[in-house]
Amino acid sequence: MAAETARRRVRHASPRPTDAERRNAAAALQRALDRRDNGGETGH
């Protein structure tokens, strides 16, 4: 079954994100991680 799943998985080629998009995604990821980790920067 694992081989069947691996065979179906297809990576869709997408244009490379711009630098601004990458920074925005990184910032969003950091905010999400901060919220998970003891309330993040505010330390709630």
N, C-alpha and C. Protein backbone atom coordinates (compact mmCIF):
# COMPACT_ATOMS: atom_id res chain seq x y z
N MET A 1 0.82 -1.21 0.00
CA MET A 1 0.00 0.00 0.00
C MET A 1 0.86 1.26 0.00
N ALA A 2 2.00 1.20 0.69
CA ALA A 2 2.89 2.36 0.71
C ALA A 2 3.41 2.68 -0.68
N ALA A 3 3.75 1.64 -1.42
CA ALA A 3 4.26 1.86 -2.77
C ALA A 3 3.18 2.50 -3.64
N GLU A 4 1.95 2.08 -3.44
CA GLU A 4 0.85 2.65 -4.21
C GLU A 4 0.68 4.13 -3.90
N THR A 5 0.79 4.48 -2.63
CA THR A 5 0.67 5.88 -2.23
C THR A 5 1.81 6.70 -2.82
N ALA A 6 3.01 6.18 -2.77
CA ALA A 6 4.17 6.91 -3.28
C ALA A 6 4.04 7.12 -4.79
N ARG A 7 3.47 6.14 -5.47
CA ARG A 7 3.36 6.25 -6.91
C ARG A 7 2.37 7.34 -7.30
N ARG A 8 1.32 7.52 -6.49
CA ARG A 8 0.30 8.51 -6.83
C ARG A 8 0.72 9.93 -6.49
N ARG A 9 1.65 10.07 -5.56
CA ARG A 9 2.03 11.41 -5.12
C ARG A 9 2.79 12.12 -6.24
N VAL A 10 2.26 13.23 -6.68
CA VAL A 10 2.88 13.98 -7.76
C VAL A 10 3.17 15.39 -7.28
N ARG A 11 4.40 15.81 -7.44
CA ARG A 11 4.74 17.19 -7.08
C ARG A 11 4.41 18.07 -8.25
N HIS A 12 3.54 19.03 -8.00
CA HIS A 12 3.15 19.94 -9.08
C HIS A 12 4.21 21.02 -9.21
N ALA A 13 4.71 21.20 -10.40
CA ALA A 13 5.70 22.23 -10.63
C ALA A 13 5.03 23.59 -10.49
N SER A 14 5.64 24.47 -9.71
CA SER A 14 5.08 25.80 -9.54
C SER A 14 6.21 26.81 -9.70
N PRO A 15 5.86 28.00 -10.12
CA PRO A 15 6.90 29.03 -10.26
C PRO A 15 7.53 29.33 -8.91
N ARG A 16 8.80 29.69 -8.93
CA ARG A 16 9.48 29.99 -7.66
C ARG A 16 8.87 31.22 -7.02
N PRO A 17 8.65 31.16 -5.72
CA PRO A 17 8.06 32.32 -5.04
C PRO A 17 9.04 33.49 -5.04
N THR A 18 8.49 34.68 -5.06
CA THR A 18 9.34 35.86 -5.01
C THR A 18 9.91 36.01 -3.61
N ASP A 19 10.89 36.88 -3.48
CA ASP A 19 11.52 37.09 -2.18
C ASP A 19 10.50 37.59 -1.17
N ALA A 20 9.61 38.49 -1.62
CA ALA A 20 8.60 39.03 -0.72
C ALA A 20 7.65 37.93 -0.26
N GLU A 21 7.27 37.05 -1.18
CA GLU A 21 6.38 35.94 -0.82
C GLU A 21 7.05 35.01 0.17
N ARG A 22 8.33 34.77 -0.04
CA ARG A 22 9.07 33.89 0.88
C ARG A 22 9.15 34.50 2.27
N ARG A 23 9.43 35.80 2.33
CA ARG A 23 9.50 36.47 3.63
C ARG A 23 8.14 36.45 4.32
N ASN A 24 7.08 36.66 3.55
CA ASN A 24 5.74 36.67 4.11
C ASN A 24 5.39 35.29 4.66
N ALA A 25 5.73 34.25 3.92
CA ALA A 25 5.46 32.89 4.38
C ALA A 25 6.27 32.56 5.63
N ALA A 26 7.52 32.99 5.65
CA ALA A 26 8.37 32.73 6.81
C ALA A 26 7.82 33.46 8.04
N ALA A 27 7.35 34.68 7.85
CA ALA A 27 6.81 35.44 8.97
C ALA A 27 5.52 34.79 9.48
N ALA A 28 4.68 34.32 8.58
CA ALA A 28 3.45 33.65 8.98
C ALA A 28 3.75 32.37 9.75
N LEU A 29 4.73 31.64 9.27
CA LEU A 29 5.12 30.40 9.96
C LEU A 29 5.65 30.72 11.36
N GLN A 30 6.48 31.75 11.45
CA GLN A 30 7.03 32.12 12.76
C GLN A 30 5.93 32.53 13.72
N ARG A 31 4.94 33.30 13.23
CA ARG A 31 3.83 33.70 14.09
C ARG A 31 3.07 32.48 14.59
N ALA A 32 2.85 31.52 13.70
CA ALA A 32 2.13 30.31 14.10
C ALA A 32 2.92 29.54 15.16
N LEU A 33 4.22 29.45 14.97
CA LEU A 33 5.05 28.74 15.95
C LEU A 33 5.08 29.50 17.27
N ASP A 34 5.14 30.83 17.20
CA ASP A 34 5.16 31.64 18.42
C ASP A 34 3.88 31.44 19.21
N ARG A 35 2.74 31.37 18.52
CA ARG A 35 1.48 31.17 19.22
C ARG A 35 1.47 29.82 19.93
N ARG A 36 2.07 28.81 19.32
CA ARG A 36 2.09 27.49 19.94
C ARG A 36 3.01 27.45 21.15
N ASP A 37 4.08 28.23 21.11
CA ASP A 37 5.12 28.13 22.12
C ASP A 37 4.90 29.14 23.24
N ASN A 38 4.08 28.78 24.23
CA ASN A 38 3.86 29.62 25.41
C ASN A 38 3.40 31.03 25.06
N GLY A 39 2.54 31.16 24.10
CA GLY A 39 1.98 32.47 23.81
C GLY A 39 2.88 33.36 22.97
N GLY A 40 4.03 32.88 22.57
CA GLY A 40 4.87 33.63 21.64
C GLY A 40 5.58 34.80 22.27
N GLU A 41 5.81 35.83 21.49
CA GLU A 41 6.63 36.95 21.90
C GLU A 41 6.07 37.67 23.11
N THR A 42 4.73 37.75 23.20
CA THR A 42 4.13 38.49 24.30
C THR A 42 4.25 37.74 25.62
N GLY A 43 4.46 36.44 25.58
CA GLY A 43 4.67 35.65 26.79
C GLY A 43 3.44 35.51 27.66
N HIS A 44 2.28 35.44 27.08
CA HIS A 44 1.03 35.29 27.84
C HIS A 44 1.02 33.95 28.54
